[in-house]
Amino acid sequence: MESNTSNHDDKIMHCSTFDELLDVEYGKFGTPEREQFDANAAAFCLAETLKEERLKARLTQ
């Protein structure tokens, strides 16, 4: 198991862009794992934007 972790860590250390890191962590663009990550990230960003705008408008939940 340690060699698997070491190989993964090596791949991460050789990433030079954020897209490469996402490929290592979540799979290439278009794979189900990457699509799920992208959907979760978009939902998180939308929720955070909504919270910020509600605070600016002084609205409570």
Protein backbone atom coordinates (compact mmCIF):
# COMPACT_ATOMS: atom_id res chain seq x y z
CA MET A 1 0.00 0.00 0.00
CA GLU A 2 2.85 2.37 0.76
CA SER A 3 4.13 2.25 -2.84
CA ASN A 4 0.65 3.24 -4.05
CA THR A 5 0.67 6.26 -1.76
CA SER A 6 4.23 7.08 -2.77
CA ASN A 7 3.32 6.90 -6.47
CA HIS A 8 0.33 9.20 -5.87
CA ASP A 9 2.50 11.63 -3.92
CA ASP A 10 5.09 11.60 -6.72
CA LYS A 11 2.41 12.44 -9.28
CA ILE A 12 1.20 15.33 -7.12
CA MET A 13 4.72 16.68 -6.66
CA HIS A 14 5.26 16.76 -10.44
CA CYS A 15 2.13 18.79 -11.17
CA SER A 16 2.89 22.24 -12.49
CA THR A 17 -0.67 23.48 -12.96
CA PHE A 18 -3.89 23.31 -10.97
CA ASP A 19 -5.53 21.38 -13.83
CA GLU A 20 -2.83 18.71 -13.60
CA LEU A 21 -3.44 18.43 -9.85
CA LEU A 22 -7.17 18.02 -10.46
CA ASP A 23 -6.40 15.31 -13.03
CA VAL A 24 -4.35 13.38 -10.45
CA GLU A 25 -6.84 13.83 -7.61
CA TYR A 26 -10.20 13.52 -9.42
CA GLY A 27 -9.47 12.12 -12.87
CA LYS A 28 -9.32 13.64 -16.31
CA PHE A 29 -11.97 16.09 -17.48
CA GLY A 30 -15.07 14.20 -18.55
CA THR A 31 -14.68 11.25 -16.18
CA PRO A 32 -17.54 10.64 -13.72
CA GLU A 33 -15.30 11.42 -10.73
CA ARG A 34 -14.19 14.74 -12.24
CA GLU A 35 -17.76 15.65 -13.23
CA GLN A 36 -18.89 15.02 -9.63
CA PHE A 37 -16.04 17.15 -8.28
CA ASP A 38 -16.88 19.98 -10.69
CA ALA A 39 -20.57 19.81 -9.74
CA ASN A 40 -19.74 19.88 -6.02
CA ALA A 41 -17.32 22.78 -6.50
CA ALA A 42 -19.90 24.79 -8.45
CA ALA A 43 -22.56 24.14 -5.79
CA PHE A 44 -20.14 25.23 -3.05
CA CYS A 45 -19.26 28.45 -4.88
CA LEU A 46 -22.91 29.25 -5.47
CA ALA A 47 -23.76 28.66 -1.81
CA GLU A 48 -20.90 30.88 -0.64
CA THR A 49 -21.91 33.65 -3.05
CA LEU A 50 -25.49 33.43 -1.83
CA LYS A 51 -24.35 33.69 1.81
CA GLU A 52 -22.21 36.74 1.01
CA GLU A 53 -25.03 38.49 -0.84
CA ARG A 54 -27.51 37.75 1.95
CA LEU A 55 -25.07 39.29 4.46
CA LYS A 56 -24.66 42.39 2.29
CA ALA A 57 -28.44 42.72 2.07
CA ARG A 58 -28.70 42.12 5.83
CA LEU A 59 -31.04 39.20 5.32
CA THR A 60 -31.31 36.35 7.78
CA GLN A 61 -31.97 32.76 6.87
